[in-house]
Amino acid sequence: MTTLTQRSAIDDFTALGGSLQIAERDPRADPRTAVLSADGKHAELALHPDADGRVAEALIKTATTRLLWFRALGPDRDGWRRARRRWRLSISVAR
């Protein structure tokens, strides 16, 4: 169940052409980490299936901010990596 603030975070991200995906379950993966893939028009945020609501909301808000910066200035040197025709960024939230 999503809360009102989670819904707002999702709406903000999708308004930028973003979509949310649930990543495949990997027992080694950290639920507090997500992968943002972006190009000039579209973006996709892959969330861990075990991420709780607060963590997911924080990851979506961070992804929205990073996507805005990406669209305004291009990929910065802060972790963006080229992946075929898109750029990828690993995003984490603090414990």
PDB file of N, CA and C in Angstrom:
ATOM      1  N   MET A   1       0.842  -1.184   0.000  1.00  0.00           N
ATOM      2  CA  MET A   1       0.000   0.000   0.000  1.00  0.00           C
ATOM      3  C   MET A   1       0.883   1.242   0.000  1.00  0.00           C
ATOM      4  N   THR A   2       0.595   2.174  -0.872  1.00  0.00           N
ATOM      5  CA  THR A   2       1.388   3.393  -0.935  1.00  0.00           C
ATOM      6  C   THR A   2       0.715   4.489  -0.129  1.00  0.00           C
ATOM      7  N   THR A   3       1.515   5.333   0.469  1.00  0.00           N
ATOM      8  CA  THR A   3       0.984   6.467   1.213  1.00  0.00           C
ATOM      9  C   THR A   3       0.861   7.652   0.267  1.00  0.00           C
ATOM     10  N   LEU A   4       0.263   8.725   0.760  1.00  0.00           N
ATOM     11  CA  LEU A   4       0.082   9.916  -0.062  1.00  0.00           C
ATOM     12  C   LEU A   4       1.423  10.471  -0.521  1.00  0.00           C
ATOM     13  N   THR A   5       2.419  10.535   0.361  1.00  0.00           N
ATOM     14  CA  THR A   5       3.716  11.080  -0.044  1.00  0.00           C
ATOM     15  C   THR A   5       4.402  10.158  -1.033  1.00  0.00           C
ATOM     16  N   GLN A   6       4.235   8.845  -0.869  1.00  0.00           N
ATOM     17  CA  GLN A   6       4.805   7.922  -1.849  1.00  0.00           C
ATOM     18  C   GLN A   6       4.148   8.142  -3.206  1.00  0.00           C
ATOM     19  N   ARG A   7       2.846   8.315  -3.218  1.00  0.00           N
ATOM     20  CA  ARG A   7       2.127   8.540  -4.468  1.00  0.00           C
ATOM     21  C   ARG A   7       2.632   9.822  -5.120  1.00  0.00           C
ATOM     22  N   SER A   8       2.872  10.870  -4.349  1.00  0.00           N
ATOM     23  CA  SER A   8       3.390  12.120  -4.895  1.00  0.00           C
ATOM     24  C   SER A   8       4.782  11.919  -5.483  1.00  0.00           C
ATOM     25  N   ALA A   9       5.622  11.149  -4.803  1.00  0.00           N
ATOM     26  CA  ALA A   9       6.969  10.873  -5.307  1.00  0.00           C
ATOM     27  C   ALA A   9       6.889  10.110  -6.624  1.00  0.00           C
ATOM     28  N   ILE A  10       6.006   9.137  -6.691  1.00  0.00           N
ATOM     29  CA  ILE A  10       5.825   8.363  -7.925  1.00  0.00           C
ATOM     30  C   ILE A  10       5.307   9.264  -9.038  1.00  0.00           C
ATOM     31  N   ASP A  11       4.335  10.113  -8.734  1.00  0.00           N
ATOM     32  CA  ASP A  11       3.780  11.026  -9.737  1.00  0.00           C
ATOM     33  C   ASP A  11       4.848  11.971 -10.276  1.00  0.00           C
ATOM     34  N   ASP A  12       5.694  12.503  -9.389  1.00  0.00           N
ATOM     35  CA  ASP A  12       6.767  13.401  -9.822  1.00  0.00           C
ATOM     36  C   ASP A  12       7.723  12.688 -10.776  1.00  0.00           C
ATOM     37  N   PHE A  13       8.073  11.447 -10.442  1.00  0.00           N
ATOM     38  CA  PHE A  13       9.006  10.687 -11.274  1.00  0.00           C
ATOM     39  C   PHE A  13       8.380  10.349 -12.629  1.00  0.00           C
ATOM     40  N   THR A  14       7.139   9.901 -12.628  1.00  0.00           N
ATOM     41  CA  THR A  14       6.496   9.534 -13.898  1.00  0.00           C
ATOM     42  C   THR A  14       6.215  10.757 -14.770  1.00  0.00           C
ATOM     43  N   ALA A  15       6.041  11.923 -14.163  1.00  0.00           N
ATOM     44  CA  ALA A  15       5.836  13.145 -14.937  1.00  0.00           C
ATOM     45  C   ALA A  15       7.069  13.489 -15.778  1.00  0.00           C
ATOM     46  N   LEU A  16       8.222  12.988 -15.371  1.00  0.00           N
ATOM     47  CA  LEU A  16       9.463  13.214 -16.118  1.00  0.00           C
ATOM     48  C   LEU A  16       9.725  12.112 -17.150  1.00  0.00           C
ATOM     49  N   GLY A  17       8.745  11.266 -17.381  1.00  0.00           N
ATOM     50  CA  GLY A  17       8.916  10.174 -18.332  1.00  0.00           C
ATOM     51  C   GLY A  17       9.506   8.935 -17.696  1.00  0.00           C
ATOM     52  N   GLY A  18       9.439   8.869 -16.378  1.00  0.00           N
ATOM     53  CA  GLY A  18      10.016   7.734 -15.667  1.00  0.00           C
ATOM     54  C   GLY A  18       9.014   6.626 -15.429  1.00  0.00           C
ATOM     55  N   SER A  19       9.522   5.421 -15.323  1.00  0.00           N
ATOM     56  CA  SER A  19       8.691   4.277 -14.957  1.00  0.00           C
ATOM     57  C   SER A  19       9.412   3.493 -13.871  1.00  0.00           C
ATOM     58  N   LEU A  20       8.628   2.823 -13.045  1.00  0.00           N
ATOM     59  CA  LEU A  20       9.181   2.033 -11.946  1.00  0.00           C
ATOM     60  C   LEU A  20       9.107   0.559 -12.291  1.00  0.00           C
ATOM     61  N   GLN A  21      10.142  -0.163 -11.941  1.00  0.00           N
ATOM     62  CA  GLN A  21      10.205  -1.602 -12.160  1.00  0.00           C
ATOM     63  C   GLN A  21      10.658  -2.261 -10.862  1.00  0.00           C
ATOM     64  N   ILE A  22      10.242  -3.477 -10.660  1.00  0.00           N
ATOM     65  CA  ILE A  22      10.745  -4.267  -9.541  1.00  0.00           C
ATOM     66  C   ILE A  22      11.831  -5.180 -10.106  1.00  0.00           C
ATOM     67  N   ALA A  23      13.026  -5.051  -9.566  1.00  0.00           N
ATOM     68  CA  ALA A  23      14.155  -5.859 -10.039  1.00  0.00           C
ATOM     69  C   ALA A  23      13.960  -7.314  -9.637  1.00  0.00           C
ATOM     70  N   GLU A  24      14.662  -8.198 -10.301  1.00  0.00           N
ATOM     71  CA  GLU A  24      14.612  -9.606  -9.926  1.00  0.00           C
ATOM     72  C   GLU A  24      15.244  -9.781  -8.554  1.00  0.00           C
ATOM     73  N   ARG A  25      14.721 -10.724  -7.807  1.00  0.00           N
ATOM     74  CA  ARG A  25      15.223 -10.967  -6.456  1.00  0.00           C
ATOM     75  C   ARG A  25      16.648 -11.514  -6.527  1.00  0.00           C
ATOM     76  N   ASP A  26      17.545 -10.837  -5.843  1.00  0.00           N
ATOM     77  CA  ASP A  26      18.937 -11.270  -5.739  1.00  0.00           C
ATOM     78  C   ASP A  26      19.288 -11.238  -4.262  1.00  0.00           C
ATOM     79  N   PRO A  27      19.574 -12.382  -3.649  1.00  0.00           N
ATOM     80  CA  PRO A  27      19.825 -12.406  -2.210  1.00  0.00           C
ATOM     81  C   PRO A  27      21.024 -11.565  -1.786  1.00  0.00           C
ATOM     82  N   ARG A  28      21.928 -11.272  -2.716  1.00  0.00           N
ATOM     83  CA  ARG A  28      23.101 -10.453  -2.372  1.00  0.00           C
ATOM     84  C   ARG A  28      22.819  -8.962  -2.488  1.00  0.00           C
ATOM     85  N   ALA A  29      21.757  -8.594  -3.167  1.00  0.00           N
ATOM     86  CA  ALA A  29      21.455  -7.182  -3.401  1.00  0.00           C
ATOM     87  C   ALA A  29      20.911  -6.521  -2.137  1.00  0.00           C
ATOM     88  N   ASP A  30      21.208  -5.253  -2.001  1.00  0.00           N
ATOM     89  CA  ASP A  30      20.760  -4.464  -0.857  1.00  0.00           C
ATOM     90  C   ASP A  30      19.411  -3.817  -1.192  1.00  0.00           C
ATOM     91  N   PRO A  31      18.377  -4.021  -0.359  1.00  0.00           N
ATOM     92  CA  PRO A  31      17.071  -3.404  -0.631  1.00  0.00           C
ATOM     93  C   PRO A  31      17.101  -1.876  -0.613  1.00  0.00           C
ATOM     94  N   ARG A  32      18.168  -1.287  -0.092  1.00  0.00           N
ATOM     95  CA  ARG A  32      18.286   0.171  -0.036  1.00  0.00           C
ATOM     96  C   ARG A  32      18.991   0.744  -1.262  1.00  0.00           C
ATOM     97  N   THR A  33      19.159  -0.070  -2.293  1.00  0.00           N
ATOM     98  CA  THR A  33      19.829   0.355  -3.516  1.00  0.00           C
ATOM     99  C   THR A  33      18.906   0.127  -4.708  1.00  0.00           C
ATOM    100  N   ALA A  34      18.924   1.060  -5.637  1.00  0.00           N
ATOM    101  CA  ALA A  34      18.141   0.949  -6.871  1.00  0.00           C
ATOM    102  C   ALA A  34      19.029   1.375  -8.036  1.00  0.00           C
ATOM    103  N   VAL A  35      18.614   1.026  -9.242  1.00  0.00           N
ATOM    104  CA  VAL A  35      19.362   1.408 -10.441  1.00  0.00           C
ATOM    105  C   VAL A  35      18.469   2.295 -11.302  1.00  0.00           C
ATOM    106  N   LEU A  36      18.992   3.475 -11.634  1.00  0.00           N
ATOM    107  CA  LEU A  36      18.300   4.424 -12.501  1.00  0.00           C
ATOM    108  C   LEU A  36      18.933   4.352 -13.883  1.00  0.00           C
ATOM    109  N   SER A  37      18.131   4.083 -14.902  1.00  0.00           N
ATOM    110  CA  SER A  37      18.575   4.099 -16.301  1.00  0.00           C
ATOM    111  C   SER A  37      17.859   5.257 -16.974  1.00  0.00           C
ATOM    112  N   ALA A  38      18.598   6.049 -17.747  1.00  0.00           N
ATOM    113  CA  ALA A  38      17.980   7.235 -18.339  1.00  0.00           C
ATOM    114  C   ALA A  38      18.585   7.565 -19.693  1.00  0.00           C
ATOM    115  N   ASP A  39      17.784   8.220 -20.496  1.00  0.00           N
ATOM    116  CA  ASP A  39      18.245   8.853 -21.723  1.00  0.00           C
ATOM    117  C   ASP A  39      17.541  10.205 -21.779  1.00  0.00           C
ATOM    118  N   GLY A  40      17.538  10.839 -22.919  1.00  0.00           N
ATOM    119  CA  GLY A  40      16.962  12.171 -23.014  1.00  0.00           C
ATOM    120  C   GLY A  40      15.469  12.266 -22.764  1.00  0.00           C
ATOM    121  N   LYS A  41      14.715  11.191 -23.027  1.00  0.00           N
ATOM    122  CA  LYS A  41      13.262  11.250 -22.902  1.00  0.00           C
ATOM    123  C   LYS A  41      12.673  10.298 -21.876  1.00  0.00           C
ATOM    124  N   HIS A  42      13.324   9.197 -21.624  1.00  0.00           N
ATOM    125  CA  HIS A  42      12.758   8.164 -20.764  1.00  0.00           C
ATOM    126  C   HIS A  42      13.708   7.829 -19.620  1.00  0.00           C
ATOM    127  N   ALA A  43      13.126   7.266 -18.581  1.00  0.00           N
ATOM    128  CA  ALA A  43      13.923   6.809 -17.440  1.00  0.00           C
ATOM    129  C   ALA A  43      13.222   5.614 -16.815  1.00  0.00           C
ATOM    130  N   GLU A  44      14.008   4.779 -16.177  1.00  0.00           N
ATOM    131  CA  GLU A  44      13.463   3.610 -15.498  1.00  0.00           C
ATOM    132  C   GLU A  44      14.219   3.433 -14.188  1.00  0.00           C
ATOM    133  N   LEU A  45      13.472   3.236 -13.129  1.00  0.00           N
ATOM    134  CA  LEU A  45      14.067   2.997 -11.819  1.00  0.00           C
ATOM    135  C   LEU A  45      13.726   1.577 -11.402  1.00  0.00           C
ATOM    136  N   ALA A  46      14.742   0.755 -11.208  1.00  0.00           N
ATOM    137  CA  ALA A  46      14.552  -0.636 -10.790  1.00  0.00           C
ATOM    138  C   ALA A  46      14.755  -0.721  -9.283  1.00  0.00           C
ATOM    139  N   LEU A  47      13.675  -1.008  -8.571  1.00  0.00           N
ATOM    140  CA  LEU A  47      13.704  -1.114  -7.113  1.00  0.00           C
ATOM    141  C   LEU A  47      13.832  -2.569  -6.688  1.00  0.00           C
ATOM    142  N   HIS A  48      14.470  -2.796  -5.565  1.00  0.00           N
ATOM    143  CA  HIS A  48      14.588  -4.142  -4.997  1.00  0.00           C
ATOM    144  C   HIS A  48      13.211  -4.572  -4.497  1.00  0.00           C
ATOM    145  N   PRO A  49      12.820  -5.834  -4.688  1.00  0.00           N
ATOM    146  CA  PRO A  49      11.486  -6.278  -4.255  1.00  0.00           C
ATOM    147  C   PRO A  49      11.277  -6.231  -2.742  1.00  0.00           C
ATOM    148  N   ASP A  50      12.349  -6.204  -1.961  1.00  0.00           N
ATOM    149  CA  ASP A  50      12.222  -6.162  -0.505  1.00  0.00           C
ATOM    150  C   ASP A  50      12.341  -4.755   0.075  1.00  0.00           C
ATOM    151  N   ALA A  51      12.405  -3.737  -0.764  1.00  0.00           N
ATOM    152  CA  ALA A  51      12.499  -2.358  -0.270  1.00  0.00           C
ATOM    153  C   ALA A  51      11.185  -1.980   0.406  1.00  0.00           C
ATOM    154  N   ASP A  52      11.273  -1.466   1.634  1.00  0.00           N
ATOM    155  CA  ASP A  52      10.040  -1.062   2.313  1.00  0.00           C
ATOM    156  C   ASP A  52       9.585   0.304   1.793  1.00  0.00           C
ATOM    157  N   GLY A  53       8.423   0.748   2.223  1.00  0.00           N
ATOM    158  CA  GLY A  53       7.820   1.974   1.709  1.00  0.00           C
ATOM    159  C   GLY A  53       8.666   3.217   1.873  1.00  0.00           C
ATOM    160  N   ARG A  54       9.262   3.395   3.058  1.00  0.00           N
ATOM    161  CA  ARG A  54      10.086   4.594   3.286  1.00  0.00           C
ATOM    162  C   ARG A  54      11.330   4.589   2.411  1.00  0.00           C
ATOM    163  N   VAL A  55      11.953   3.429   2.287  1.00  0.00           N
ATOM    164  CA  VAL A  55      13.150   3.310   1.456  1.00  0.00           C
ATOM    165  C   VAL A  55      12.791   3.562  -0.006  1.00  0.00           C
ATOM    166  N   ALA A  56      11.711   2.957  -0.479  1.00  0.00           N
ATOM    167  CA  ALA A  56      11.283   3.152  -1.866  1.00  0.00           C
ATOM    168  C   ALA A  56      10.994   4.623  -2.138  1.00  0.00           C
ATOM    169  N   GLU A  57      10.323   5.280  -1.210  1.00  0.00           N
ATOM    170  CA  GLU A  57      10.021   6.703  -1.386  1.00  0.00           C
ATOM    171  C   GLU A  57      11.301   7.527  -1.476  1.00  0.00           C
ATOM    172  N   ALA A  58      12.257   7.261  -0.595  1.00  0.00           N
ATOM    173  CA  ALA A  58      13.529   7.990  -0.614  1.00  0.00           C
ATOM    174  C   ALA A  58      14.281   7.744  -1.920  1.00  0.00           C
ATOM    175  N   LEU A  59      14.277   6.503  -2.394  1.00  0.00           N
ATOM    176  CA  LEU A  59      14.950   6.186  -3.654  1.00  0.00           C
ATOM    177  C   LEU A  59      14.280   6.888  -4.832  1.00  0.00           C
ATOM    178  N   ILE A  60      12.953   6.932  -4.838  1.00  0.00           N
ATOM    179  CA  ILE A  60      12.228   7.589  -5.930  1.00  0.00           C
ATOM    180  C   ILE A  60      12.498   9.093  -5.915  1.00  0.00           C
ATOM    181  N   LYS A  61      12.500   9.704  -4.738  1.00  0.00           N
ATOM    182  CA  LYS A  61      12.786  11.143  -4.646  1.00  0.00           C
ATOM    183  C   LYS A  61      14.206  11.446  -5.106  1.00  0.00           C
ATOM    184  N   THR A  62      15.164  10.618  -4.694  1.00  0.00           N
ATOM    185  CA  THR A  62      16.548  10.806  -5.123  1.00  0.00           C
ATOM    186  C   THR A  62      16.664  10.635  -6.631  1.00  0.00           C
ATOM    187  N   ALA A  63      15.997   9.629  -7.174  1.00  0.00           N
ATOM    188  CA  ALA A  63      16.028   9.395  -8.620  1.00  0.00           C
ATOM    189  C   ALA A  63      15.429  10.574  -9.380  1.00  0.00           C
ATOM    190  N   THR A  64      14.363  11.154  -8.858  1.00  0.00           N
ATOM    191  CA  THR A  64      13.738  12.309  -9.506  1.00  0.00           C
ATOM    192  C   THR A  64      14.712  13.478  -9.563  1.00  0.00           C
ATOM    193  N   THR A  65      15.388  13.747  -8.454  1.00  0.00           N
ATOM    194  CA  THR A  65      16.367  14.837  -8.409  1.00  0.00           C
ATOM    195  C   THR A  65      17.515  14.579  -9.373  1.00  0.00           C
ATOM    196  N   ARG A  66      18.052  13.360  -9.345  1.00  0.00           N
ATOM    197  CA  ARG A  66      19.175  13.028 -10.228  1.00  0.00           C
ATOM    198  C   ARG A  66      18.752  13.081 -11.700  1.00  0.00           C
ATOM    199  N   LEU A  67      17.521  12.684 -11.993  1.00  0.00           N
ATOM    200  CA  LEU A  67      17.027  12.738 -13.368  1.00  0.00           C
ATOM    201  C   LEU A  67      16.884  14.185 -13.839  1.00  0.00           C
ATOM    202  N   LEU A  68      16.402  15.057 -12.974  1.00  0.00           N
ATOM    203  CA  LEU A  68      16.314  16.478 -13.331  1.00  0.00           C
ATOM    204  C   LEU A  68      17.693  17.044 -13.656  1.00  0.00           C
ATOM    205  N   TRP A  69      18.684  16.733 -12.823  1.00  0.00           N
ATOM    206  CA  TRP A  69      20.056  17.193 -13.067  1.00  0.00           C
ATOM    207  C   TRP A  69      20.601  16.594 -14.358  1.00  0.00           C
ATOM    208  N   PHE A  70      20.339  15.314 -14.589  1.00  0.00           N
ATOM    209  CA  PHE A  70      20.798  14.639 -15.801  1.00  0.00           C
ATOM    210  C   PHE A  70      20.232  15.322 -17.040  1.00  0.00           C
ATOM    211  N   ARG A  71      18.944  15.629 -17.007  1.00  0.00           N
ATOM    212  CA  ARG A  71      18.302  16.253 -18.169  1.00  0.00           C
ATOM    213  C   ARG A  71      18.796  17.685 -18.374  1.00  0.00           C
ATOM    214  N   ALA A  72      19.118  18.380 -17.286  1.00  0.00           N
ATOM    215  CA  ALA A  72      19.564  19.767 -17.398  1.00  0.00           C
ATOM    216  C   ALA A  72      21.032  19.877 -17.811  1.00  0.00           C
ATOM    217  N   LEU A  73      21.884  19.013 -17.258  1.00  0.00           N
ATOM    218  CA  LEU A  73      23.325  19.168 -17.440  1.00  0.00           C
ATOM    219  C   LEU A  73      24.020  17.989 -18.108  1.00  0.00           C
ATOM    220  N   GLY A  74      23.305  16.899 -18.327  1.00  0.00           N
ATOM    221  CA  GLY A  74      23.939  15.697 -18.856  1.00  0.00           C
ATOM    222  C   GLY A  74      24.497  14.865 -17.707  1.00  0.00           C
ATOM    223  N   PRO A  75      25.093  13.724 -18.036  1.00  0.00           N
ATOM    224  CA  PRO A  75      25.620  12.863 -16.974  1.00  0.00           C
ATOM    225  C   PRO A  75      26.822  13.520 -16.300  1.00  0.00           C
ATOM    226  N   ASP A  76      26.793  13.572 -14.987  1.00  0.00           N
ATOM    227  CA  ASP A  76      27.926  14.137 -14.264  1.00  0.00           C
ATOM    228  C   ASP A  76      28.928  13.030 -13.976  1.00  0.00           C
ATOM    229  N   ARG A  77      29.956  13.354 -13.278  1.00  0.00           N
ATOM    230  CA  ARG A  77      30.993  12.369 -12.964  1.00  0.00           C
ATOM    231  C   ARG A  77      30.701  11.628 -11.673  1.00  0.00           C
ATOM    232  N   ASP A  78      29.511  11.784 -11.172  1.00  0.00           N
ATOM    233  CA  ASP A  78      29.154  11.206  -9.879  1.00  0.00           C
ATOM    234  C   ASP A  78      28.451   9.861 -10.039  1.00  0.00           C
ATOM    235  N   GLY A  79      29.047   8.949 -10.772  1.00  0.00           N
ATOM    236  CA  GLY A  79      28.527   7.602 -10.816  1.00  0.00           C
ATOM    237  C   GLY A  79      27.787   7.180 -12.066  1.00  0.00           C
ATOM    238  N   TRP A  80      27.428   8.101 -12.953  1.00  0.00           N
ATOM    239  CA  TRP A  80      26.729   7.712 -14.177  1.00  0.00           C
ATOM    240  C   TRP A  80      27.675   6.901 -15.054  1.00  0.00           C
ATOM    241  N   ARG A  81      27.162   5.809 -15.618  1.00  0.00           N
ATOM    242  CA  ARG A  81      27.947   4.967 -16.520  1.00  0.00           C
ATOM    243  C   ARG A  81      27.159   4.716 -17.794  1.00  0.00           C
ATOM    244  N   ARG A  82      27.865   4.714 -18.889  1.00  0.00           N
ATOM    245  CA  ARG A  82      27.234   4.486 -20.190  1.00  0.00           C
ATOM    246  C   ARG A  82      26.872   3.009 -20.329  1.00  0.00           C
ATOM    247  N   ALA A  83      25.645   2.732 -20.733  1.00  0.00           N
ATOM    248  CA  ALA A  83      25.173   1.368 -20.964  1.00  0.00           C
ATOM    249  C   ALA A  83      24.386   1.362 -22.274  1.00  0.00           C
ATOM    250  N   ARG A  84      25.046   1.012 -23.349  1.00  0.00           N
ATOM    251  CA  ARG A  84      24.471   1.054 -24.699  1.00  0.00           C
ATOM    252  C   ARG A  84      24.021   2.468 -25.023  1.00  0.00           C
ATOM    253  N   ARG A  85      22.745   2.667 -25.275  1.00  0.00           N
ATOM    254  CA  ARG A  85      22.260   4.016 -25.620  1.00  0.00           C
ATOM    255  C   ARG A  85      21.750   4.784 -24.410  1.00  0.00           C
ATOM    256  N   ARG A  86      21.827   4.186 -23.252  1.00  0.00           N
ATOM    257  CA  ARG A  86      21.315   4.818 -22.033  1.00  0.00           C
ATOM    258  C   ARG A  86      22.447   5.000 -21.033  1.00  0.00           C
ATOM    259  N   TRP A  87      22.150   5.755 -20.002  1.00  0.00           N
ATOM    260  CA  TRP A  87      23.075   5.944 -18.891  1.00  0.00           C
ATOM    261  C   TRP A  87      22.490   5.265 -17.667  1.00  0.00           C
ATOM    262  N   ARG A  88      23.348   4.721 -16.807  1.00  0.00           N
ATOM    263  CA  ARG A  88      22.899   4.018 -15.598  1.00  0.00           C
ATOM    264  C   ARG A  88      23.582   4.626 -14.375  1.00  0.00           C
ATOM    265  N   LEU A  89      22.820   4.656 -13.298  1.00  0.00           N
ATOM    266  CA  LEU A  89      23.323   5.180 -12.035  1.00  0.00           C
ATOM    267  C   LEU A  89      22.782   4.327 -10.903  1.00  0.00           C
ATOM    268  N   SER A  90      23.659   3.904 -10.020  1.00  0.00           N
ATOM    269  CA  SER A  90      23.243   3.170  -8.826  1.00  0.00           C
ATOM    270  C   SER A  90      22.960   4.186  -7.728  1.00  0.00           C
ATOM    271  N   ILE A  91      21.803   4.076  -7.102  1.00  0.00           N
ATOM    272  CA  ILE A  91      21.377   5.009  -6.057  1.00  0.00           C
ATOM    273  C   ILE A  91      21.183   4.231  -4.762  1.00  0.00           C
ATOM    274  N   SER A  92      21.672   4.786  -3.665  1.00  0.00           N
ATOM    275  CA  SER A  92      21.502   4.149  -2.352  1.00  0.00           C
ATOM    276  C   SER A  92      20.990   5.168  -1.353  1.00  0.00           C
ATOM    277  N   VAL A  93      20.288   4.678  -0.346  1.00  0.00           N
ATOM    278  CA  VAL A  93      19.881   5.536   0.765  1.00  0.00           C
ATOM    279  C   VAL A  93      20.589   5.050   2.020  1.00  0.00           C
ATOM    280  N   ALA A  94      20.846   5.971   2.918  1.00  0.00           N
ATOM    281  CA  ALA A  94      21.551   5.639   4.159  1.00  0.00           C
ATOM    282  C   ALA A  94      20.686   4.778   5.067  1.00  0.00           C
ATOM    283  N   ARG A  95      21.338   4.023   5.891  1.00  0.00           N
ATOM    284  CA  ARG A  95      20.616   3.172   6.848  1.00  0.00           C
ATOM    285  C   ARG A  95      20.082   3.974   7.987  1.00  0.00           C
TER     286      ARG A  95
END
